[in-house]
C-alpha atoms as a PDB file:
ATOM      1  CA  MET A   1     -74.732 -21.106   4.512  1.00  0.00           C
ATOM      2  CA  LEU A   2     -71.931 -21.848   2.064  1.00  0.00           C
ATOM      3  CA  LYS A   3     -69.082 -19.429   1.416  1.00  0.00           C
ATOM      4  CA  ASP A   4     -68.132 -18.308  -2.093  1.00  0.00           C
ATOM      5  CA  GLY A   5     -66.101 -21.041  -3.727  1.00  0.00           C
ATOM      6  CA  GLN A   6     -67.428 -23.899  -1.592  1.00  0.00           C
ATOM      7  CA  LYS A   7     -68.890 -26.516  -3.926  1.00  0.00           C
ATOM      8  CA  GLY A   8     -68.265 -24.018  -6.720  1.00  0.00           C
ATOM      9  CA  VAL A   9     -71.032 -21.637  -5.598  1.00  0.00           C
ATOM     10  CA  ILE A  10     -71.412 -17.867  -5.371  1.00  0.00           C
ATOM     11  CA  LEU A  11     -73.897 -16.491  -2.850  1.00  0.00           C
ATOM     12  CA  GLN A  12     -76.470 -14.236  -4.476  1.00  0.00           C
ATOM     13  CA  ARG A  13     -77.914 -10.842  -3.596  1.00  0.00           C
ATOM     14  CA  ASP A  14     -80.848 -12.323  -1.684  1.00  0.00           C
ATOM     15  CA  LYS A  15     -78.406 -14.076   0.702  1.00  0.00           C
ATOM     16  CA  GLU A  16     -80.445 -17.266   0.291  1.00  0.00           C
ATOM     17  CA  THR A  17     -79.755 -18.679  -3.158  1.00  0.00           C
ATOM     18  CA  TYR A  18     -76.581 -19.431  -5.088  1.00  0.00           C
ATOM     19  CA  ALA A  19     -75.124 -19.303  -8.585  1.00  0.00           C
ATOM     20  CA  ILE A  20     -72.667 -21.650 -10.228  1.00  0.00           C
ATOM     21  CA  ALA A  21     -70.503 -21.042 -13.297  1.00  0.00           C
ATOM     22  CA  PRO A  22     -69.046 -24.371 -14.462  1.00  0.00           C
ATOM     23  CA  HIS A  23     -65.682 -24.310 -16.199  1.00  0.00           C
ATOM     24  CA  ILE A  24     -66.024 -24.269 -19.980  1.00  0.00           C
ATOM     25  CA  PRO A  25     -62.467 -24.287 -21.387  1.00  0.00           C
ATOM     26  CA  CYS A  26     -62.052 -21.413 -23.839  1.00  0.00           C
ATOM     27  CA  GLY A  27     -65.839 -21.039 -24.036  1.00  0.00           C
ATOM     28  CA  LEU A  28     -66.207 -23.937 -26.479  1.00  0.00           C
ATOM     29  CA  VAL A  29     -69.544 -25.734 -26.195  1.00  0.00           C
ATOM     30  CA  THR A  30     -71.425 -28.511 -27.978  1.00  0.00           C
ATOM     31  CA  PRO A  31     -75.193 -28.997 -28.463  1.00  0.00           C
ATOM     32  CA  ASP A  32     -75.093 -31.758 -25.836  1.00  0.00           C
ATOM     33  CA  MET A  33     -73.489 -29.400 -23.311  1.00  0.00           C
ATOM     34  CA  LEU A  34     -76.103 -26.723 -23.932  1.00  0.00           C
ATOM     35  CA  GLU A  35     -78.894 -29.264 -23.584  1.00  0.00           C
ATOM     36  CA  LYS A  36     -77.556 -30.258 -20.156  1.00  0.00           C
ATOM     37  CA  PHE A  37     -77.759 -26.659 -18.967  1.00  0.00           C
ATOM     38  CA  ALA A  38     -81.316 -26.380 -20.258  1.00  0.00           C
ATOM     39  CA  ARG A  39     -82.417 -29.650 -18.621  1.00  0.00           C
ATOM     40  CA  VAL A  40     -80.908 -28.668 -15.263  1.00  0.00           C
ATOM     41  CA  ALA A  41     -82.436 -25.179 -15.347  1.00  0.00           C
ATOM     42  CA  ARG A  42     -85.890 -26.636 -16.005  1.00  0.00           C
ATOM     43  CA  LYS A  43     -85.580 -29.518 -13.556  1.00  0.00           C
ATOM     44  CA  TYR A  44     -84.578 -27.328 -10.617  1.00  0.00           C
ATOM     45  CA  ASN A  45     -86.622 -24.287 -11.653  1.00  0.00           C
ATOM     46  CA  THR A  46     -83.618 -21.966 -11.446  1.00  0.00           C
ATOM     47  CA  ALA A  47     -84.025 -18.203 -11.727  1.00  0.00           C
ATOM     48  CA  GLY A  48     -81.979 -17.731 -14.889  1.00  0.00           C
ATOM     49  CA  LEU A  49     -78.905 -18.466 -16.987  1.00  0.00           C
ATOM     50  CA  LYS A  50     -76.311 -16.002 -18.264  1.00  0.00           C
ATOM     51  CA  ILE A  51     -73.317 -16.169 -20.564  1.00  0.00           C
ATOM     52  CA  THR A  52     -70.626 -14.463 -18.488  1.00  0.00           C
ATOM     53  CA  SER A  53     -67.806 -12.191 -19.595  1.00  0.00           C
ATOM     54  CA  ALA A  54     -65.425 -15.087 -18.903  1.00  0.00           C
ATOM     55  CA  ALA A  55     -67.269 -17.276 -21.450  1.00  0.00           C
ATOM     56  CA  ARG A  56     -68.957 -19.458 -18.846  1.00  0.00           C
ATOM     57  CA  ILE A  57     -72.672 -20.187 -18.499  1.00  0.00           C
ATOM     58  CA  ALA A  58     -73.857 -19.195 -15.036  1.00  0.00           C
ATOM     59  CA  ILE A  59     -76.975 -20.669 -13.454  1.00  0.00           C
ATOM     60  CA  PHE A  60     -78.717 -18.406 -10.939  1.00  0.00           C
ATOM     61  CA  GLY A  61     -81.241 -18.938  -8.173  1.00  0.00           C
ATOM     62  CA  ILE A  62     -80.086 -22.337  -6.924  1.00  0.00           C
ATOM     63  CA  LYS A  63     -81.279 -23.639  -3.579  1.00  0.00           C
ATOM     64  CA  GLU A  64     -78.583 -24.965  -1.256  1.00  0.00           C
ATOM     65  CA  GLU A  65     -80.202 -28.399  -1.045  1.00  0.00           C
ATOM     66  CA  ASP A  66     -80.050 -28.740  -4.860  1.00  0.00           C
ATOM     67  CA  ILE A  67     -76.369 -27.897  -5.337  1.00  0.00           C
ATOM     68  CA  ASP A  68     -74.938 -31.425  -5.178  1.00  0.00           C
ATOM     69  CA  SER A  69     -77.648 -32.826  -7.447  1.00  0.00           C
ATOM     70  CA  ILE A  70     -77.147 -30.077 -10.001  1.00  0.00           C
ATOM     71  CA  TRP A  71     -73.419 -30.723 -10.215  1.00  0.00           C
ATOM     72  CA  SER A  72     -74.112 -34.433 -10.571  1.00  0.00           C
ATOM     73  CA  ASP A  73     -76.598 -33.838 -13.382  1.00  0.00           C
ATOM     74  CA  LEU A  74     -74.386 -31.364 -15.219  1.00  0.00           C
ATOM     75  CA  GLU A  75     -71.204 -33.507 -15.057  1.00  0.00           C
ATOM     76  CA  PHE A  76     -69.079 -30.367 -15.488  1.00  0.00           C
ATOM     77  CA  ASP A  77     -65.868 -29.338 -13.753  1.00  0.00           C
ATOM     78  CA  MET A  78     -66.641 -26.746 -11.071  1.00  0.00           C
ATOM     79  CA  GLY A  79     -63.648 -24.722 -12.194  1.00  0.00           C
ATOM     80  CA  HIS A  80     -62.341 -21.634 -10.413  1.00  0.00           C
ATOM     81  CA  ALA A  81     -64.649 -18.626 -10.771  1.00  0.00           C
ATOM     82  CA  VAL A  82     -63.412 -17.034  -7.518  1.00  0.00           C
ATOM     83  CA  GLY A  83     -60.220 -16.996  -5.452  1.00  0.00           C
ATOM     84  CA  LEU A  84     -56.551 -16.106  -5.812  1.00  0.00           C
ATOM     85  CA  CYS A  85     -55.805 -18.156  -8.908  1.00  0.00           C
ATOM     86  CA  VAL A  86     -55.978 -18.187 -12.691  1.00  0.00           C
ATOM     87  CA  ARG A  87     -59.714 -17.895 -13.230  1.00  0.00           C
ATOM     88  CA  SER A  88     -60.251 -17.901 -16.961  1.00  0.00           C
ATOM     89  CA  VAL A  89     -58.645 -17.888 -20.389  1.00  0.00           C
ATOM     90  CA  LYS A  90     -60.803 -15.892 -22.790  1.00  0.00           C
ATOM     91  CA  VAL A  91     -60.321 -16.883 -26.432  1.00  0.00           C
ATOM     92  CA  CYS A  92     -61.539 -15.571 -29.787  1.00  0.00           C
ATOM     93  CA  PRO A  93     -62.560 -17.887 -32.689  1.00  0.00           C
ATOM     94  CA  GLY A  94     -59.063 -17.696 -34.240  1.00  0.00           C
ATOM     95  CA  THR A  95     -57.945 -19.289 -37.486  1.00  0.00           C
ATOM     96  CA  GLN A  96     -60.358 -22.188 -37.043  1.00  0.00           C
ATOM     97  CA  PHE A  97     -63.314 -19.878 -37.701  1.00  0.00           C
ATOM     98  CA  CYS A  98     -62.349 -16.234 -38.314  1.00  0.00           C
ATOM     99  CA  ARG A  99     -61.068 -14.918 -41.647  1.00  0.00           C
ATOM    100  CA  LEU A 100     -59.112 -12.132 -39.927  1.00  0.00           C
ATOM    101  CA  ALA A 101     -57.111 -14.317 -37.537  1.00  0.00           C
ATOM    102  CA  LYS A 102     -53.372 -14.729 -38.027  1.00  0.00           C
ATOM    103  CA  GLN A 103     -52.720 -17.398 -35.369  1.00  0.00           C
ATOM    104  CA  ASP A 104     -54.647 -20.331 -33.892  1.00  0.00           C
ATOM    105  CA  SER A 105     -55.979 -18.767 -30.703  1.00  0.00           C
ATOM    106  CA  ILE A 106     -58.154 -21.755 -29.771  1.00  0.00           C
ATOM    107  CA  ALA A 107     -55.212 -24.174 -29.807  1.00  0.00           C
ATOM    108  CA  MET A 108     -53.029 -21.758 -27.838  1.00  0.00           C
ATOM    109  CA  GLY A 109     -55.817 -20.898 -25.410  1.00  0.00           C
ATOM    110  CA  THR A 110     -56.538 -24.571 -24.788  1.00  0.00           C
ATOM    111  CA  LYS A 111     -52.891 -25.164 -23.888  1.00  0.00           C
ATOM    112  CA  LEU A 112     -52.898 -22.251 -21.447  1.00  0.00           C
ATOM    113  CA  ASP A 113     -56.198 -23.309 -19.908  1.00  0.00           C
ATOM    114  CA  THR A 114     -54.961 -26.882 -19.396  1.00  0.00           C
ATOM    115  CA  THR A 115     -51.752 -25.641 -17.787  1.00  0.00           C
ATOM    116  CA  TYR A 116     -52.888 -22.675 -15.708  1.00  0.00           C
ATOM    117  CA  HIS A 117     -56.610 -22.719 -14.917  1.00  0.00           C
ATOM    118  CA  GLY A 118     -56.953 -22.832 -11.138  1.00  0.00           C
ATOM    119  CA  MET A 119     -53.219 -22.378 -10.492  1.00  0.00           C
ATOM    120  CA  PRO A 120     -52.719 -20.440  -7.207  1.00  0.00           C
ATOM    121  CA  MET A 121     -51.483 -16.863  -7.665  1.00  0.00           C
ATOM    122  CA  PRO A 122     -50.733 -13.882  -5.397  1.00  0.00           C
ATOM    123  CA  SER A 123     -53.996 -12.361  -6.650  1.00  0.00           C
ATOM    124  CA  LYS A 124     -56.694 -13.244  -9.129  1.00  0.00           C
ATOM    125  CA  MET A 125     -55.472 -13.594 -12.714  1.00  0.00           C
ATOM    126  CA  LYS A 126     -57.282 -13.469 -16.033  1.00  0.00           C
ATOM    127  CA  MET A 127     -55.786 -14.464 -19.370  1.00  0.00           C
ATOM    128  CA  ALA A 128     -56.751 -14.040 -23.001  1.00  0.00           C
ATOM    129  CA  VAL A 129     -55.649 -15.251 -26.418  1.00  0.00           C
ATOM    130  CA  SER A 130     -56.668 -13.484 -29.633  1.00  0.00           C
ATOM    131  CA  GLY A 131     -55.854 -14.463 -33.182  1.00  0.00           C
ATOM    132  CA  CYS A 132     -55.110 -10.938 -34.398  1.00  0.00           C
ATOM    133  CA  LYS A 133     -54.515  -7.326 -33.345  1.00  0.00           C
ATOM    134  CA  ILE A 134     -58.239  -6.635 -33.057  1.00  0.00           C
ATOM    135  CA  GLN A 135     -58.051  -8.559 -29.761  1.00  0.00           C
ATOM    136  CA  CYS A 136     -61.604  -9.860 -29.455  1.00  0.00           C
ATOM    137  CA  GLY A 137     -60.406 -11.675 -26.325  1.00  0.00           C
ATOM    138  CA  GLU A 138     -60.128  -8.244 -24.674  1.00  0.00           C
ATOM    139  CA  ASN A 139     -56.384  -8.598 -24.178  1.00  0.00           C
ATOM    140  CA  CYS A 140     -56.016  -4.972 -23.151  1.00  0.00           C
ATOM    141  CA  ILE A 141     -57.721  -5.623 -19.788  1.00  0.00           C
ATOM    142  CA  LYS A 142     -56.241  -9.041 -19.000  1.00  0.00           C
ATOM    143  CA  ASP A 143     -53.372  -9.731 -16.596  1.00  0.00           C
ATOM    144  CA  LEU A 144     -51.563 -11.866 -19.183  1.00  0.00           C
ATOM    145  CA  SER A 145     -52.456 -12.335 -22.826  1.00  0.00           C
ATOM    146  CA  LEU A 146     -51.269 -13.194 -26.305  1.00  0.00           C
ATOM    147  CA  TYR A 147     -52.441 -11.978 -29.685  1.00  0.00           C
ATOM    148  CA  GLY A 148     -51.377 -13.258 -33.073  1.00  0.00           C
ATOM    149  CA  THR A 149     -49.730 -11.472 -35.974  1.00  0.00           C
ATOM    150  CA  GLU A 150     -48.361 -12.710 -39.296  1.00  0.00           C
ATOM    151  CA  THR A 151     -44.937 -12.975 -37.642  1.00  0.00           C
ATOM    152  CA  GLY A 152     -45.891 -14.715 -34.402  1.00  0.00           C
ATOM    153  CA  TRP A 153     -47.326 -13.856 -31.000  1.00  0.00           C
ATOM    154  CA  THR A 154     -47.300 -10.625 -28.978  1.00  0.00           C
ATOM    155  CA  LEU A 155     -47.260 -10.971 -25.184  1.00  0.00           C
ATOM    156  CA  LEU A 156     -49.128  -8.356 -23.141  1.00  0.00           C
ATOM    157  CA  VAL A 157     -49.027  -7.923 -19.357  1.00  0.00           C
ATOM    158  CA  GLY A 158     -50.691  -5.900 -16.635  1.00  0.00           C
ATOM    159  CA  GLY A 159     -54.176  -5.206 -17.951  1.00  0.00           C
ATOM    160  CA  MET A 160     -57.270  -5.230 -15.735  1.00  0.00           C
ATOM    161  CA  GLY A 161     -60.744  -3.806 -15.398  1.00  0.00           C
ATOM    162  CA  GLY A 162     -62.365  -3.048 -12.058  1.00  0.00           C
ATOM    163  CA  ILE A 163     -62.348   0.054  -9.881  1.00  0.00           C
ATOM    164  CA  ARG A 164     -58.808   0.959 -10.947  1.00  0.00           C
ATOM    165  CA  PRO A 165     -58.673  -0.099 -14.612  1.00  0.00           C
ATOM    166  CA  ARG A 166     -55.327  -0.410 -16.347  1.00  0.00           C
ATOM    167  CA  LEU A 167     -54.369  -1.093 -19.956  1.00  0.00           C
ATOM    168  CA  ALA A 168     -51.941  -3.921 -20.666  1.00  0.00           C
ATOM    169  CA  GLU A 169     -48.415  -3.241 -21.910  1.00  0.00           C
ATOM    170  CA  VAL A 170     -46.454  -5.038 -24.613  1.00  0.00           C
ATOM    171  CA  LEU A 171     -43.748  -7.212 -23.094  1.00  0.00           C
ATOM    172  CA  ALA A 172     -42.465  -8.976 -26.220  1.00  0.00           C
ATOM    173  CA  GLU A 173     -43.361  -9.327 -29.912  1.00  0.00           C
ATOM    174  CA  ASP A 174     -42.888 -11.697 -32.869  1.00  0.00           C
ATOM    175  CA  LEU A 175     -42.650 -14.794 -30.676  1.00  0.00           C
ATOM    176  CA  PRO A 176     -42.861 -18.309 -32.155  1.00  0.00           C
ATOM    177  CA  GLU A 177     -45.343 -20.513 -30.297  1.00  0.00           C
ATOM    178  CA  ASN A 178     -42.801 -22.292 -28.115  1.00  0.00           C
ATOM    179  CA  GLN A 179     -41.111 -19.020 -27.125  1.00  0.00           C
ATOM    180  CA  ALA A 180     -44.456 -17.382 -26.368  1.00  0.00           C
ATOM    181  CA  ILE A 181     -45.376 -20.221 -24.016  1.00  0.00           C
ATOM    182  CA  GLU A 182     -41.933 -20.192 -22.361  1.00  0.00           C
ATOM    183  CA  MET A 183     -41.947 -16.410 -21.875  1.00  0.00           C
ATOM    184  CA  LEU A 184     -45.431 -16.474 -20.412  1.00  0.00           C
ATOM    185  CA  GLU A 185     -44.256 -19.197 -18.034  1.00  0.00           C
ATOM    186  CA  ARG A 186     -41.258 -17.090 -16.953  1.00  0.00           C
ATOM    187  CA  THR A 187     -43.513 -14.070 -16.463  1.00  0.00           C
ATOM    188  CA  ILE A 188     -45.796 -16.040 -14.166  1.00  0.00           C
ATOM    189  CA  ALA A 189     -42.827 -17.380 -12.226  1.00  0.00           C
ATOM    190  CA  TYR A 190     -41.470 -13.850 -11.729  1.00  0.00           C
ATOM    191  CA  TYR A 191     -44.878 -12.590 -10.661  1.00  0.00           C
ATOM    192  CA  ARG A 192     -45.375 -15.388  -8.133  1.00  0.00           C
ATOM    193  CA  GLU A 193     -41.942 -14.756  -6.631  1.00  0.00           C
ATOM    194  CA  ASN A 194     -42.111 -10.964  -6.471  1.00  0.00           C
ATOM    195  CA  SER A 195     -45.717  -9.859  -6.013  1.00  0.00           C
ATOM    196  CA  LYS A 196     -47.354  -9.506  -2.604  1.00  0.00           C
ATOM    197  CA  ARG A 197     -51.064 -10.194  -3.089  1.00  0.00           C
ATOM    198  CA  THR A 198     -51.435  -7.656  -5.880  1.00  0.00           C
ATOM    199  CA  ARG A 199     -52.242  -8.097  -9.541  1.00  0.00           C
ATOM    200  CA  ILE A 200     -49.508  -7.888 -12.150  1.00  0.00           C
ATOM    201  CA  GLY A 201     -50.590  -4.399 -13.196  1.00  0.00           C
ATOM    202  CA  PHE A 202     -50.108  -3.000  -9.705  1.00  0.00           C
ATOM    203  CA  MET A 203     -46.725  -4.707  -9.504  1.00  0.00           C
ATOM    204  CA  LEU A 204     -45.715  -3.051 -12.788  1.00  0.00           C
ATOM    205  CA  ASP A 205     -46.832   0.345 -11.485  1.00  0.00           C
ATOM    206  CA  LYS A 206     -44.136  -0.036  -8.843  1.00  0.00           C
ATOM    207  CA  ILE A 207     -41.265  -1.684 -10.718  1.00  0.00           C
ATOM    208  CA  GLY A 208     -41.893  -0.625 -14.332  1.00  0.00           C
ATOM    209  CA  ILE A 209     -42.178  -2.753 -17.468  1.00  0.00           C
ATOM    210  CA  GLU A 210     -38.424  -2.638 -18.169  1.00  0.00           C
ATOM    211  CA  VAL A 211     -37.567  -4.434 -14.926  1.00  0.00           C
ATOM    212  CA  LEU A 212     -39.925  -7.259 -15.881  1.00  0.00           C
ATOM    213  CA  ARG A 213     -38.625  -7.286 -19.463  1.00  0.00           C
ATOM    214  CA  GLN A 214     -35.036  -7.664 -18.283  1.00  0.00           C
ATOM    215  CA  ALA A 215     -36.035 -10.509 -15.977  1.00  0.00           C
ATOM    216  CA  VAL A 216     -38.063 -12.592 -18.433  1.00  0.00           C
ATOM    217  CA  VAL A 217     -37.186 -11.462 -21.982  1.00  0.00           C
ATOM    218  CA  ASN A 218     -33.483 -10.774 -21.614  1.00  0.00           C
ATOM    219  CA  PRO A 219     -32.476 -12.780 -18.497  1.00  0.00           C
END
């Protein structure tokens, strides 16, 4: 029996079959990609498919002996759906598609995904990028996130769902793109150096947002 994360699988409730959730950067798909999922699901008679909250497409009910063949047929990156790392970067349609967006969330989200997806962390980490204050990327419950305004980017930290949900806090506002990326990088560096296997929100509950702000915004 495989453990969660081995070969990109997640053991299911029946303790016999597995699910996979291939990495789909920023949730952007093409017709060809969707057709691959459909062909694989039919070929291996899987139990179901689901669009996940992290903008992946999960395939359920996979037999252990089919796992390698399914990955070969899909030709997708396994990604990092479990583990102590950056798991996902959730992104809204942004200025490329949405009339309300103020900043290009897809371009920013793609940069963050390329840089951070799978990066080891003290605990699991979820990110989001939204093009406006409406925050369709659900920034308020993400460990690190950015949303766009007419004057730049706002950086939020410390959000999470789960058993002990916590709303994110504003760390900095009106950031040009390069400064937003640099400040997010400094925030991650501080978190990796100072957290002990807890999420950013729990770290902030102990030290307070001002300690983090002094370390990364006004060093």
